[in-house]
Amino acid sequence: AFVSASGVKTSGHSDYPCSMRLHLKPNSSIFCVSCNFQKETTLFDMAEKIITVNRKARHDYEILDTIEAGIVLLGTEVKSLRAGKVNLKDSYARIKDGEVWLVGVHISPYSHGGYSNHAPERDRKLLLHKSEIRRLIGKTEEKGITLVPLRMYFKNGKAKVELALARGKRKFDKRQDIAKRDAQREIQRKLKEKGRF
């Protein structure tokens, strides 16, 4: 049995004296009555670690809404992700038979994977609640709406993808975005120069 400083019971813990498993909660003290192990957890334990960002997606698409999804991965894929060996360029998500699949994401083979290594661009199932999938089905049936991954990251040790409902930009929209970005950079440059004097 495990009890936090606030009196909340939890499950076991791993990699500690009694080799049992414990789900750590932020900003609380965890104490194991089996081995007297105690740990203060902080928000750092729950922090996100960015793996990669799909910068091309925000250039090519107007982002209408976003949703977080889990990913079904093989062991070698997780190890490659931890090494940052992934590319989201030209990838997208599609809905097939009531399930959401990530297509075209390149995860490089793990350097020590051997014969058990994964196929770099295989389709990967995304984990979403049924209600979320139903909402995505309804939205993607609208003309010009597609699903694109914006970024991949680790959250509480698990790989996640931020998925966007997006509409393709017209060339005029892209030029307008570039002009706005250039204008903002010019303003920032002038402010920096002004700050020197």
N, C-alpha and C. Protein backbone atom coordinates (compact mmCIF):
# COMPACT_ATOMS: atom_id res chain seq x y z
N ALA A 1 0.85 -1.19 0.00
CA ALA A 1 0.00 0.00 0.00
C ALA A 1 0.88 1.24 0.00
N PHE A 2 0.43 2.28 -0.68
CA PHE A 2 1.21 3.51 -0.78
C PHE A 2 0.33 4.68 -0.42
N VAL A 3 0.89 5.60 0.35
CA VAL A 3 0.11 6.74 0.83
C VAL A 3 0.87 8.03 0.58
N SER A 4 0.20 9.03 -0.03
CA SER A 4 0.83 10.32 -0.24
C SER A 4 0.70 11.14 1.03
N ALA A 5 1.39 12.28 1.05
CA ALA A 5 1.35 13.14 2.23
C ALA A 5 -0.06 13.64 2.50
N SER A 6 -0.88 13.69 1.45
CA SER A 6 -2.26 14.15 1.62
C SER A 6 -3.19 13.02 2.02
N GLY A 7 -2.63 11.79 2.18
CA GLY A 7 -3.42 10.65 2.61
C GLY A 7 -4.06 9.87 1.48
N VAL A 8 -3.68 10.16 0.22
CA VAL A 8 -4.27 9.48 -0.92
C VAL A 8 -3.51 8.20 -1.21
N LYS A 9 -4.21 7.07 -1.29
CA LYS A 9 -3.56 5.80 -1.61
C LYS A 9 -3.31 5.71 -3.11
N THR A 10 -2.19 5.10 -3.48
CA THR A 10 -1.83 4.95 -4.89
C THR A 10 -1.41 3.52 -5.14
N SER A 11 -1.01 3.24 -6.40
CA SER A 11 -0.50 1.92 -6.74
C SER A 11 0.99 1.86 -6.44
N GLY A 12 1.69 0.83 -6.98
CA GLY A 12 3.10 0.65 -6.64
C GLY A 12 4.06 1.56 -7.39
N HIS A 13 5.38 1.35 -7.26
CA HIS A 13 6.37 2.16 -7.97
C HIS A 13 7.45 1.27 -8.54
N SER A 14 8.21 1.79 -9.53
CA SER A 14 9.25 1.01 -10.19
C SER A 14 10.62 1.65 -9.98
N ASP A 15 11.68 0.84 -10.15
CA ASP A 15 13.06 1.30 -10.06
C ASP A 15 13.43 1.84 -8.68
N TYR A 16 12.71 1.43 -7.66
CA TYR A 16 13.01 1.84 -6.31
C TYR A 16 13.16 0.60 -5.43
N PRO A 17 13.54 0.74 -4.16
CA PRO A 17 13.92 -0.40 -3.32
C PRO A 17 13.00 -1.61 -3.37
N CYS A 18 11.67 -1.43 -3.34
CA CYS A 18 10.81 -2.61 -3.29
C CYS A 18 10.37 -3.08 -4.67
N SER A 19 10.86 -2.42 -5.75
CA SER A 19 10.60 -2.76 -7.15
C SER A 19 9.12 -2.93 -7.47
N MET A 20 8.27 -2.13 -6.81
CA MET A 20 6.86 -2.12 -7.14
C MET A 20 6.55 -0.86 -7.94
N ARG A 21 5.32 -0.72 -8.46
CA ARG A 21 5.00 0.38 -9.36
C ARG A 21 4.19 1.47 -8.64
N LEU A 22 4.51 2.73 -8.96
CA LEU A 22 3.82 3.85 -8.34
C LEU A 22 3.54 4.92 -9.38
N HIS A 23 2.30 5.42 -9.44
CA HIS A 23 1.96 6.53 -10.32
C HIS A 23 2.19 7.82 -9.56
N LEU A 24 3.23 8.56 -9.93
CA LEU A 24 3.58 9.78 -9.21
C LEU A 24 2.64 10.92 -9.59
N LYS A 25 2.19 11.67 -8.60
CA LYS A 25 1.33 12.82 -8.85
C LYS A 25 2.10 14.10 -8.57
N PRO A 26 1.83 15.19 -9.34
CA PRO A 26 2.62 16.41 -9.17
C PRO A 26 2.37 17.08 -7.83
N ASN A 27 3.46 17.75 -7.35
CA ASN A 27 3.38 18.58 -6.15
C ASN A 27 2.85 17.84 -4.92
N SER A 28 3.29 16.59 -4.72
CA SER A 28 2.89 15.86 -3.52
C SER A 28 4.04 14.97 -3.09
N SER A 29 4.04 14.58 -1.82
CA SER A 29 5.06 13.69 -1.29
C SER A 29 4.52 12.28 -1.28
N ILE A 30 5.26 11.34 -1.89
CA ILE A 30 4.83 9.95 -1.97
C ILE A 30 5.66 9.10 -1.03
N PHE A 31 5.00 8.25 -0.24
CA PHE A 31 5.71 7.42 0.73
C PHE A 31 5.26 5.97 0.59
N CYS A 32 6.23 5.04 0.46
CA CYS A 32 5.94 3.62 0.34
C CYS A 32 6.15 2.97 1.71
N VAL A 33 5.10 2.38 2.28
CA VAL A 33 5.21 1.77 3.60
C VAL A 33 5.94 0.43 3.53
N SER A 34 6.18 -0.10 2.30
CA SER A 34 6.88 -1.38 2.17
C SER A 34 8.39 -1.21 2.30
N CYS A 35 8.92 -0.13 1.73
CA CYS A 35 10.38 0.02 1.74
C CYS A 35 10.82 1.38 2.26
N ASN A 36 9.88 2.19 2.78
CA ASN A 36 10.19 3.50 3.34
C ASN A 36 10.72 4.47 2.30
N PHE A 37 10.44 4.20 1.00
CA PHE A 37 10.87 5.13 -0.05
C PHE A 37 9.95 6.35 -0.05
N GLN A 38 10.55 7.53 -0.19
CA GLN A 38 9.77 8.76 -0.24
C GLN A 38 10.30 9.64 -1.36
N LYS A 39 9.38 10.31 -2.09
CA LYS A 39 9.80 11.18 -3.19
C LYS A 39 8.90 12.41 -3.25
N GLU A 40 9.53 13.57 -3.39
CA GLU A 40 8.76 14.79 -3.63
C GLU A 40 8.66 14.95 -5.15
N THR A 41 7.44 15.02 -5.67
CA THR A 41 7.26 15.21 -7.11
C THR A 41 6.96 16.67 -7.40
N THR A 42 7.34 17.10 -8.58
CA THR A 42 7.13 18.49 -9.00
C THR A 42 6.48 18.50 -10.37
N LEU A 43 6.16 19.68 -10.85
CA LEU A 43 5.58 19.80 -12.19
C LEU A 43 6.55 19.32 -13.25
N PHE A 44 7.86 19.28 -12.94
CA PHE A 44 8.84 18.80 -13.90
C PHE A 44 8.57 17.35 -14.29
N ASP A 45 8.06 16.55 -13.31
CA ASP A 45 7.77 15.15 -13.57
C ASP A 45 6.69 14.99 -14.64
N MET A 46 5.83 16.02 -14.78
CA MET A 46 4.71 15.94 -15.70
C MET A 46 4.96 16.73 -16.97
N ALA A 47 6.16 17.28 -17.17
CA ALA A 47 6.44 18.17 -18.28
C ALA A 47 6.42 17.45 -19.62
N GLU A 48 6.12 18.21 -20.67
CA GLU A 48 6.16 17.68 -22.02
C GLU A 48 7.57 17.82 -22.58
N LYS A 49 7.98 16.84 -23.37
CA LYS A 49 9.27 16.91 -24.06
C LYS A 49 9.00 16.83 -25.55
N ILE A 50 9.24 17.93 -26.26
CA ILE A 50 8.96 18.00 -27.70
C ILE A 50 9.92 17.08 -28.45
N ILE A 51 9.36 16.27 -29.35
CA ILE A 51 10.18 15.40 -30.20
C ILE A 51 10.45 16.08 -31.53
N THR A 52 9.36 16.54 -32.18
CA THR A 52 9.49 17.23 -33.47
C THR A 52 8.26 18.08 -33.72
N VAL A 53 8.43 19.12 -34.54
CA VAL A 53 7.34 20.03 -34.90
C VAL A 53 7.19 20.07 -36.41
N ASN A 54 5.96 20.01 -36.88
CA ASN A 54 5.67 20.06 -38.32
C ASN A 54 5.45 21.52 -38.73
N ARG A 55 6.55 22.23 -39.00
CA ARG A 55 6.46 23.66 -39.33
C ARG A 55 5.75 23.88 -40.67
N LYS A 56 5.89 22.94 -41.57
CA LYS A 56 5.28 23.07 -42.91
C LYS A 56 3.75 23.10 -42.82
N ALA A 57 3.20 22.41 -41.80
CA ALA A 57 1.74 22.33 -41.67
C ALA A 57 1.13 23.71 -41.47
N ARG A 58 1.73 24.52 -40.60
CA ARG A 58 1.17 25.86 -40.34
C ARG A 58 1.38 26.79 -41.52
N HIS A 59 2.34 26.49 -42.37
CA HIS A 59 2.55 27.28 -43.59
C HIS A 59 1.52 26.92 -44.65
N ASP A 60 1.20 25.65 -44.76
CA ASP A 60 0.32 25.17 -45.83
C ASP A 60 -1.16 25.13 -45.45
N TYR A 61 -1.46 25.14 -44.14
CA TYR A 61 -2.85 24.97 -43.70
C TYR A 61 -3.29 26.04 -42.72
N GLU A 62 -4.57 26.32 -42.74
CA GLU A 62 -5.22 27.13 -41.71
C GLU A 62 -5.69 26.17 -40.62
N ILE A 63 -5.19 26.34 -39.42
CA ILE A 63 -5.50 25.42 -38.32
C ILE A 63 -6.84 25.83 -37.69
N LEU A 64 -7.82 24.93 -37.73
CA LEU A 64 -9.16 25.23 -37.22
C LEU A 64 -9.35 24.74 -35.78
N ASP A 65 -8.77 23.61 -35.46
CA ASP A 65 -8.92 23.03 -34.12
C ASP A 65 -7.82 21.99 -33.92
N THR A 66 -7.50 21.68 -32.67
CA THR A 66 -6.46 20.68 -32.39
C THR A 66 -6.96 19.68 -31.35
N ILE A 67 -6.36 18.50 -31.37
CA ILE A 67 -6.71 17.45 -30.43
C ILE A 67 -5.47 16.61 -30.13
N GLU A 68 -5.34 16.12 -28.90
CA GLU A 68 -4.21 15.27 -28.52
C GLU A 68 -4.58 13.81 -28.65
N ALA A 69 -3.68 13.02 -29.24
CA ALA A 69 -3.92 11.59 -29.41
C ALA A 69 -2.71 10.79 -28.98
N GLY A 70 -2.95 9.61 -28.43
CA GLY A 70 -1.87 8.68 -28.17
C GLY A 70 -1.51 7.95 -29.46
N ILE A 71 -0.39 7.23 -29.46
CA ILE A 71 0.06 6.52 -30.66
C ILE A 71 0.44 5.10 -30.28
N VAL A 72 0.02 4.14 -31.10
CA VAL A 72 0.43 2.75 -30.90
C VAL A 72 1.77 2.56 -31.60
N LEU A 73 2.82 2.29 -30.81
CA LEU A 73 4.18 2.20 -31.34
C LEU A 73 4.85 0.89 -30.96
N LEU A 74 5.84 0.50 -31.74
CA LEU A 74 6.70 -0.63 -31.42
C LEU A 74 7.86 -0.13 -30.55
N GLY A 75 8.52 -1.07 -29.87
CA GLY A 75 9.61 -0.69 -28.98
C GLY A 75 10.73 0.05 -29.67
N THR A 76 11.10 -0.40 -30.88
CA THR A 76 12.19 0.27 -31.61
C THR A 76 11.79 1.67 -32.05
N GLU A 77 10.48 1.87 -32.29
CA GLU A 77 10.00 3.20 -32.68
C GLU A 77 10.13 4.18 -31.51
N VAL A 78 9.78 3.73 -30.32
CA VAL A 78 9.90 4.58 -29.13
C VAL A 78 11.35 5.00 -28.92
N LYS A 79 12.28 4.06 -29.09
CA LYS A 79 13.70 4.37 -28.91
C LYS A 79 14.18 5.37 -29.95
N SER A 80 13.69 5.24 -31.20
CA SER A 80 14.07 6.20 -32.24
C SER A 80 13.48 7.58 -31.95
N LEU A 81 12.25 7.62 -31.41
CA LEU A 81 11.64 8.90 -31.05
C LEU A 81 12.45 9.60 -29.97
N ARG A 82 12.92 8.81 -28.98
CA ARG A 82 13.71 9.42 -27.90
C ARG A 82 15.01 10.02 -28.44
N ALA A 83 15.46 9.50 -29.58
CA ALA A 83 16.66 10.04 -30.22
C ALA A 83 16.31 11.14 -31.22
N GLY A 84 15.03 11.46 -31.35
CA GLY A 84 14.58 12.53 -32.26
C GLY A 84 14.59 12.16 -33.72
N LYS A 85 14.60 10.86 -34.04
CA LYS A 85 14.70 10.39 -35.42
C LYS A 85 13.32 10.24 -36.07
N VAL A 86 12.64 11.37 -36.28
CA VAL A 86 11.30 11.33 -36.86
C VAL A 86 11.07 12.57 -37.71
N ASN A 87 10.27 12.42 -38.77
CA ASN A 87 9.97 13.53 -39.68
C ASN A 87 8.48 13.51 -39.99
N LEU A 88 7.80 14.64 -39.73
CA LEU A 88 6.36 14.74 -39.96
C LEU A 88 6.01 15.36 -41.32
N LYS A 89 7.02 15.75 -42.08
CA LYS A 89 6.77 16.42 -43.36
C LYS A 89 5.91 15.56 -44.28
N ASP A 90 4.88 16.17 -44.86
CA ASP A 90 3.96 15.52 -45.81
C ASP A 90 3.14 14.40 -45.18
N SER A 91 3.09 14.32 -43.86
CA SER A 91 2.27 13.29 -43.21
C SER A 91 0.86 13.82 -42.97
N TYR A 92 -0.06 12.91 -42.72
CA TYR A 92 -1.45 13.27 -42.45
C TYR A 92 -2.11 12.13 -41.70
N ALA A 93 -3.36 12.34 -41.29
CA ALA A 93 -4.12 11.28 -40.61
C ALA A 93 -5.38 11.00 -41.42
N ARG A 94 -5.80 9.75 -41.40
CA ARG A 94 -7.04 9.38 -42.10
C ARG A 94 -7.88 8.48 -41.19
N ILE A 95 -9.17 8.49 -41.45
CA ILE A 95 -10.09 7.68 -40.66
C ILE A 95 -10.53 6.50 -41.52
N LYS A 96 -10.34 5.28 -40.97
CA LYS A 96 -10.69 4.07 -41.71
C LYS A 96 -11.36 3.08 -40.75
N ASP A 97 -12.56 2.65 -41.10
CA ASP A 97 -13.31 1.69 -40.28
C ASP A 97 -13.45 2.14 -38.83
N GLY A 98 -13.70 3.44 -38.65
CA GLY A 98 -13.92 3.96 -37.30
C GLY A 98 -12.67 4.13 -36.47
N GLU A 99 -11.49 4.05 -37.10
CA GLU A 99 -10.22 4.23 -36.40
C GLU A 99 -9.41 5.32 -37.11
N VAL A 100 -8.55 5.99 -36.35
CA VAL A 100 -7.73 7.06 -36.92
C VAL A 100 -6.29 6.55 -37.06
N TRP A 101 -5.73 6.75 -38.26
CA TRP A 101 -4.38 6.26 -38.55
C TRP A 101 -3.48 7.40 -39.00
N LEU A 102 -2.26 7.38 -38.53
CA LEU A 102 -1.25 8.37 -38.91
C LEU A 102 -0.47 7.81 -40.10
N VAL A 103 -0.44 8.57 -41.19
CA VAL A 103 0.13 8.08 -42.45
C VAL A 103 1.30 8.97 -42.88
N GLY A 104 2.37 8.34 -43.36
CA GLY A 104 3.48 9.08 -43.96
C GLY A 104 4.49 9.64 -42.98
N VAL A 105 4.37 9.32 -41.69
CA VAL A 105 5.38 9.76 -40.70
C VAL A 105 6.60 8.85 -40.80
N HIS A 106 7.75 9.45 -40.98
CA HIS A 106 8.99 8.66 -41.10
C HIS A 106 9.70 8.60 -39.75
N ILE A 107 9.74 7.40 -39.16
CA ILE A 107 10.52 7.15 -37.94
C ILE A 107 11.68 6.26 -38.34
N SER A 108 12.88 6.79 -38.25
CA SER A 108 14.06 6.05 -38.70
C SER A 108 14.24 4.75 -37.92
N PRO A 109 14.75 3.71 -38.57
CA PRO A 109 15.02 2.45 -37.86
C PRO A 109 15.97 2.70 -36.69
N TYR A 110 15.75 1.98 -35.60
CA TYR A 110 16.60 2.10 -34.42
C TYR A 110 17.97 1.52 -34.73
N SER A 111 19.02 2.24 -34.36
CA SER A 111 20.39 1.86 -34.74
C SER A 111 20.79 0.48 -34.23
N HIS A 112 20.19 0.02 -33.10
CA HIS A 112 20.52 -1.30 -32.55
C HIS A 112 19.31 -2.25 -32.61
N GLY A 113 18.41 -1.98 -33.54
CA GLY A 113 17.18 -2.77 -33.60
C GLY A 113 17.32 -4.15 -34.18
N GLY A 114 18.30 -4.34 -35.08
CA GLY A 114 18.51 -5.65 -35.68
C GLY A 114 17.32 -6.11 -36.52
N TYR A 115 17.07 -7.43 -36.51
CA TYR A 115 16.00 -8.01 -37.33
C TYR A 115 14.61 -7.58 -36.87
N SER A 116 14.48 -7.11 -35.64
CA SER A 116 13.18 -6.75 -35.10
C SER A 116 12.80 -5.29 -35.39
N ASN A 117 13.60 -4.60 -36.21
CA ASN A 117 13.34 -3.20 -36.49
C ASN A 117 12.03 -3.00 -37.22
N HIS A 118 11.50 -1.78 -37.13
CA HIS A 118 10.21 -1.44 -37.72
C HIS A 118 10.35 -0.92 -39.15
N ALA A 119 9.24 -0.90 -39.89
CA ALA A 119 9.19 -0.26 -41.20
C ALA A 119 9.07 1.25 -40.96
N PRO A 120 9.97 2.06 -41.52
CA PRO A 120 10.03 3.49 -41.20
C PRO A 120 8.73 4.26 -41.44
N GLU A 121 7.98 3.94 -42.49
CA GLU A 121 6.80 4.74 -42.83
C GLU A 121 5.50 3.94 -42.76
N ARG A 122 5.45 2.96 -41.87
CA ARG A 122 4.21 2.20 -41.73
C ARG A 122 3.10 3.08 -41.15
N ASP A 123 1.85 2.72 -41.43
CA ASP A 123 0.72 3.43 -40.83
C ASP A 123 0.66 3.10 -39.34
N ARG A 124 0.36 4.12 -38.52
CA ARG A 124 0.33 3.92 -37.07
C ARG A 124 -1.01 4.36 -36.50
N LYS A 125 -1.61 3.50 -35.70
CA LYS A 125 -2.93 3.77 -35.13
C LYS A 125 -2.84 4.84 -34.04
N LEU A 126 -3.79 5.77 -34.06
CA LEU A 126 -3.88 6.80 -33.03
C LEU A 126 -4.95 6.43 -32.03
N LEU A 127 -4.73 6.77 -30.77
CA LEU A 127 -5.64 6.42 -29.69
C LEU A 127 -6.48 7.63 -29.29
N LEU A 128 -7.78 7.52 -29.57
CA LEU A 128 -8.74 8.58 -29.26
C LEU A 128 -10.02 7.96 -28.72
N HIS A 129 -10.78 8.74 -27.94
CA HIS A 129 -12.07 8.27 -27.48
C HIS A 129 -13.05 8.20 -28.65
N LYS A 130 -14.02 7.31 -28.56
CA LYS A 130 -14.99 7.15 -29.64
C LYS A 130 -15.72 8.45 -29.95
N SER A 131 -16.04 9.22 -28.92
CA SER A 131 -16.73 10.50 -29.13
C SER A 131 -15.85 11.47 -29.92
N GLU A 132 -14.54 11.44 -29.66
CA GLU A 132 -13.60 12.30 -30.39
C GLU A 132 -13.52 11.87 -31.85
N ILE A 133 -13.50 10.55 -32.08
CA ILE A 133 -13.43 10.04 -33.45
C ILE A 133 -14.70 10.41 -34.23
N ARG A 134 -15.85 10.30 -33.57
CA ARG A 134 -17.10 10.68 -34.23
C ARG A 134 -17.09 12.15 -34.62
N ARG A 135 -16.55 13.00 -33.75
CA ARG A 135 -16.46 14.42 -34.06
C ARG A 135 -15.54 14.67 -35.25
N LEU A 136 -14.42 13.96 -35.28
CA LEU A 136 -13.48 14.11 -36.39
C LEU A 136 -14.10 13.64 -37.70
N ILE A 137 -14.86 12.54 -37.64
CA ILE A 137 -15.53 12.04 -38.85
C ILE A 137 -16.47 13.12 -39.41
N GLY A 138 -17.25 13.73 -38.52
CA GLY A 138 -18.18 14.77 -38.95
C GLY A 138 -17.47 15.96 -39.57
N LYS A 139 -16.36 16.38 -38.95
CA LYS A 139 -15.62 17.55 -39.45
C LYS A 139 -14.93 17.27 -40.78
N THR A 140 -14.32 16.08 -40.91
CA THR A 140 -13.56 15.79 -42.14
C THR A 140 -14.47 15.54 -43.34
N GLU A 141 -15.77 15.37 -43.10
CA GLU A 141 -16.71 15.24 -44.21
C GLU A 141 -17.01 16.59 -44.86
N GLU A 142 -16.64 17.68 -44.17
CA GLU A 142 -16.79 19.01 -44.75
C GLU A 142 -15.74 19.20 -45.84
N LYS A 143 -16.10 19.92 -46.87
CA LYS A 143 -15.22 20.12 -48.02
C LYS A 143 -13.94 20.85 -47.62
N GLY A 144 -12.81 20.29 -48.03
CA GLY A 144 -11.51 20.94 -47.84
C GLY A 144 -10.89 20.75 -46.47
N ILE A 145 -11.54 19.98 -45.58
CA ILE A 145 -10.99 19.77 -44.24
C ILE A 145 -10.19 18.48 -44.19
N THR A 146 -9.01 18.54 -43.60
CA THR A 146 -8.15 17.37 -43.48
C THR A 146 -7.53 17.31 -42.08
N LEU A 147 -6.88 16.19 -41.76
CA LEU A 147 -6.22 16.00 -40.47
C LEU A 147 -4.71 15.97 -40.68
N VAL A 148 -4.01 16.86 -40.01
CA VAL A 148 -2.55 16.90 -40.13
C VAL A 148 -1.91 16.93 -38.73
N PRO A 149 -0.78 16.23 -38.55
CA PRO A 149 -0.07 16.27 -37.26
C PRO A 149 0.76 17.55 -37.16
N LEU A 150 0.65 18.24 -36.04
CA LEU A 150 1.41 19.47 -35.83
C LEU A 150 2.73 19.22 -35.11
N ARG A 151 2.70 18.28 -34.15
CA ARG A 151 3.92 17.99 -33.39
C ARG A 151 3.78 16.64 -32.70
N MET A 152 4.92 16.08 -32.35
CA MET A 152 4.97 14.86 -31.54
C MET A 152 5.77 15.19 -30.29
N TYR A 153 5.37 14.58 -29.16
CA TYR A 153 6.03 14.88 -27.89
C TYR A 153 5.79 13.75 -26.89
N PHE A 154 6.61 13.71 -25.86
CA PHE A 154 6.41 12.79 -24.76
C PHE A 154 5.70 13.53 -23.64
N LYS A 155 4.67 12.92 -23.09
CA LYS A 155 3.92 13.50 -21.98
C LYS A 155 3.75 12.41 -20.93
N ASN A 156 4.27 12.65 -19.75
CA ASN A 156 4.27 11.63 -18.70
C ASN A 156 4.89 10.33 -19.18
N GLY A 157 5.91 10.45 -20.06
CA GLY A 157 6.62 9.28 -20.55
C GLY A 157 5.97 8.58 -21.73
N LYS A 158 4.81 9.05 -22.18
CA LYS A 158 4.11 8.42 -23.30
C LYS A 158 4.13 9.32 -24.53
N ALA A 159 4.31 8.71 -25.70
CA ALA A 159 4.36 9.47 -26.96
C ALA A 159 2.96 9.95 -27.32
N LYS A 160 2.87 11.23 -27.69
CA LYS A 160 1.61 11.85 -28.09
C LYS A 160 1.80 12.60 -29.41
N VAL A 161 0.68 12.82 -30.10
CA VAL A 161 0.70 13.65 -31.30
C VAL A 161 -0.40 14.69 -31.18
N GLU A 162 -0.07 15.93 -31.54
CA GLU A 162 -1.08 16.98 -31.61
C GLU A 162 -1.62 16.99 -33.03
N LEU A 163 -2.87 16.66 -33.16
CA LEU A 163 -3.52 16.53 -34.46
C LEU A 163 -4.38 17.76 -34.72
N ALA A 164 -4.36 18.26 -35.95
CA ALA A 164 -5.13 19.46 -36.27
C ALA A 164 -6.18 19.19 -37.34
N LEU A 165 -7.35 19.76 -37.14
CA LEU A 165 -8.34 19.87 -38.21
C LEU A 165 -7.93 21.11 -38.99
N ALA A 166 -7.66 20.94 -40.27
CA ALA A 166 -7.06 22.04 -41.03
C ALA A 166 -7.67 22.18 -42.42
N ARG A 167 -7.57 23.39 -42.95
CA ARG A 167 -8.02 23.67 -44.31
C ARG A 167 -6.84 24.22 -45.10
N GLY A 168 -6.62 23.70 -46.29
CA GLY A 168 -5.49 24.14 -47.11
C GLY A 168 -5.57 25.61 -47.45
N LYS A 169 -4.43 26.30 -47.35
CA LYS A 169 -4.38 27.72 -47.67
C LYS A 169 -4.26 27.93 -49.18
N ARG A 170 -4.86 29.02 -49.66
CA ARG A 170 -4.66 29.42 -51.05
C ARG A 170 -3.32 30.13 -51.16
N LYS A 171 -2.81 30.27 -52.38
CA LYS A 171 -1.52 30.93 -52.57
C LYS A 171 -1.55 32.35 -52.04
N PHE A 172 -2.70 33.03 -52.20
CA PHE A 172 -2.84 34.40 -51.70
C PHE A 172 -2.68 34.43 -50.18
N ASP A 173 -3.31 33.45 -49.49
CA ASP A 173 -3.21 33.37 -48.03
C ASP A 173 -1.77 33.17 -47.59
N LYS A 174 -1.04 32.29 -48.31
CA LYS A 174 0.35 32.02 -47.96
C LYS A 174 1.20 33.27 -48.12
N ARG A 175 0.99 34.01 -49.23
CA ARG A 175 1.75 35.24 -49.45
C ARG A 175 1.46 36.27 -48.36
N GLN A 176 0.19 36.33 -47.96
CA GLN A 176 -0.22 37.26 -46.91
C GLN A 176 0.45 36.91 -45.58
N ASP A 177 0.52 35.61 -45.27
CA ASP A 177 1.18 35.17 -44.04
C ASP A 177 2.66 35.52 -44.04
N ILE A 178 3.30 35.31 -45.20
CA ILE A 178 4.73 35.62 -45.33
C ILE A 178 4.97 37.11 -45.14
N ALA A 179 4.09 37.94 -45.73
CA ALA A 179 4.22 39.39 -45.61
C ALA A 179 4.07 39.83 -44.15
N LYS A 180 3.10 39.24 -43.43
CA LYS A 180 2.90 39.56 -42.01
C LYS A 180 4.12 39.18 -41.19
N ARG A 181 4.67 37.99 -41.47
CA ARG A 181 5.83 37.51 -40.72
C ARG A 181 7.04 38.42 -40.97
N ASP A 182 7.23 38.82 -42.24
CA ASP A 182 8.35 39.71 -42.56
C ASP A 182 8.19 41.06 -41.88
N ALA A 183 6.95 41.57 -41.83
CA ALA A 183 6.70 42.86 -41.18
C ALA A 183 6.98 42.78 -39.68
N GLN A 184 6.59 41.67 -39.05
CA GLN A 184 6.85 41.48 -37.62
C GLN A 184 8.34 41.40 -37.33
N ARG A 185 9.08 40.72 -38.20
CA ARG A 185 10.53 40.62 -38.03
C ARG A 185 11.19 41.98 -38.15
N GLU A 186 10.69 42.80 -39.10
CA GLU A 186 11.25 44.13 -39.30
C GLU A 186 11.00 45.01 -38.07
N ILE A 187 9.79 44.90 -37.50
CA ILE A 187 9.46 45.66 -36.28
C ILE A 187 10.36 45.24 -35.13
N GLN A 188 10.56 43.92 -34.97
CA GLN A 188 11.42 43.42 -33.89
C GLN A 188 12.86 43.88 -34.08
N ARG A 189 13.32 43.90 -35.34
CA ARG A 189 14.69 44.34 -35.63
C ARG A 189 14.88 45.81 -35.25
N LYS A 190 13.90 46.64 -35.59
CA LYS A 190 13.98 48.07 -35.28
C LYS A 190 13.94 48.31 -33.77
N LEU A 191 13.10 47.53 -33.06
CA LEU A 191 13.02 47.67 -31.61
C LEU A 191 14.35 47.31 -30.95
N LYS A 192 15.01 46.26 -31.48
CA LYS A 192 16.32 45.87 -30.94
C LYS A 192 17.35 46.95 -31.15
N GLU A 193 17.33 47.54 -32.39
CA GLU A 193 18.29 48.60 -32.71
C GLU A 193 18.04 49.82 -31.83
N LYS A 194 16.76 50.11 -31.58
CA LYS A 194 16.40 51.26 -30.74
C LYS A 194 16.88 51.04 -29.30
N GLY A 195 16.84 49.79 -28.85
CA GLY A 195 17.24 49.47 -27.49
C GLY A 195 18.73 49.61 -27.25
N ARG A 196 19.51 49.64 -28.33
CA ARG A 196 20.96 49.76 -28.18
C ARG A 196 21.38 51.18 -27.86
N PHE A 197 20.51 52.14 -28.18
CA PHE A 197 20.86 53.55 -27.99
C PHE A 197 20.17 54.15 -26.79
